[in-house]
Amino acid sequence: MTGLIAAHSKVPDFSSFYNRISHRGTKMKAVVACAHKILRIIYKLLSTHQTYQK
């Protein structure tokens, strides 16, 4: 669900990533890829004790 929300958000980083992936394959794969990208960002932020900056 997180990937779907990020894909349709107004944040250009995630929406452009979603559009790029969805043109190559199915939309569900693009949603999973967005969720995976968000998960990697969250893990990096938590492991390094940093805040998210665009």
Protein backbone atom coordinates (compact mmCIF):
# COMPACT_ATOMS: atom_id res chain seq x y z
CA MET A 1 0.00 0.00 0.00
CA THR A 2 2.88 2.34 0.74
CA GLY A 3 4.25 1.97 -2.77
CA LEU A 4 0.87 2.76 -4.29
CA ILE A 5 0.48 5.90 -2.18
CA ALA A 6 4.00 7.06 -3.01
CA ALA A 7 3.48 6.34 -6.68
CA HIS A 8 0.47 8.61 -6.90
CA SER A 9 1.83 11.34 -4.64
CA LYS A 10 2.93 14.77 -5.72
CA VAL A 11 6.53 14.06 -4.73
CA PRO A 12 8.32 13.98 -8.08
CA ASP A 13 11.01 11.55 -6.92
CA PHE A 14 8.63 8.69 -6.27
CA SER A 15 6.07 9.43 -8.96
CA SER A 16 8.70 9.65 -11.71
CA PHE A 17 10.29 6.42 -10.45
CA TYR A 18 6.86 4.73 -10.52
CA ASN A 19 6.14 5.98 -14.05
CA ARG A 20 9.53 4.80 -15.30
CA ILE A 21 9.05 1.30 -13.88
CA SER A 22 5.39 0.96 -14.88
CA HIS A 23 6.19 1.68 -18.53
CA ARG A 24 8.65 -1.22 -18.58
CA GLY A 25 6.43 -3.77 -16.83
CA THR A 26 3.22 -4.19 -14.94
CA LYS A 27 1.87 -1.62 -12.55
CA MET A 28 1.99 -4.03 -9.61
CA LYS A 29 5.73 -4.52 -10.13
CA ALA A 30 6.12 -0.74 -10.11
CA VAL A 31 4.20 -0.49 -6.83
CA VAL A 32 6.42 -3.14 -5.24
CA ALA A 33 9.53 -1.37 -6.56
CA CYS A 34 8.36 1.92 -5.00
CA ALA A 35 7.68 0.23 -1.68
CA HIS A 36 11.11 -1.39 -1.80
CA LYS A 37 12.75 1.97 -2.52
CA ILE A 38 10.95 3.55 0.44
CA LEU A 39 12.00 0.65 2.65
CA ARG A 40 15.66 1.07 1.66
CA ILE A 41 15.48 4.81 2.42
CA ILE A 42 13.88 4.19 5.82
CA TYR A 43 16.45 1.54 6.71
CA LYS A 44 19.34 3.84 5.80
CA LEU A 45 17.85 6.71 7.80
CA LEU A 46 17.29 4.57 10.88
CA SER A 47 20.69 2.90 10.76
CA THR A 48 22.59 6.19 10.39
CA HIS A 49 20.32 8.28 12.70
CA GLN A 50 19.72 10.91 10.02
CA THR A 51 16.62 12.82 8.97
CA TYR A 52 15.09 12.61 5.52
CA GLN A 53 16.12 15.41 3.17
CA LYS A 54 14.99 15.65 -0.42
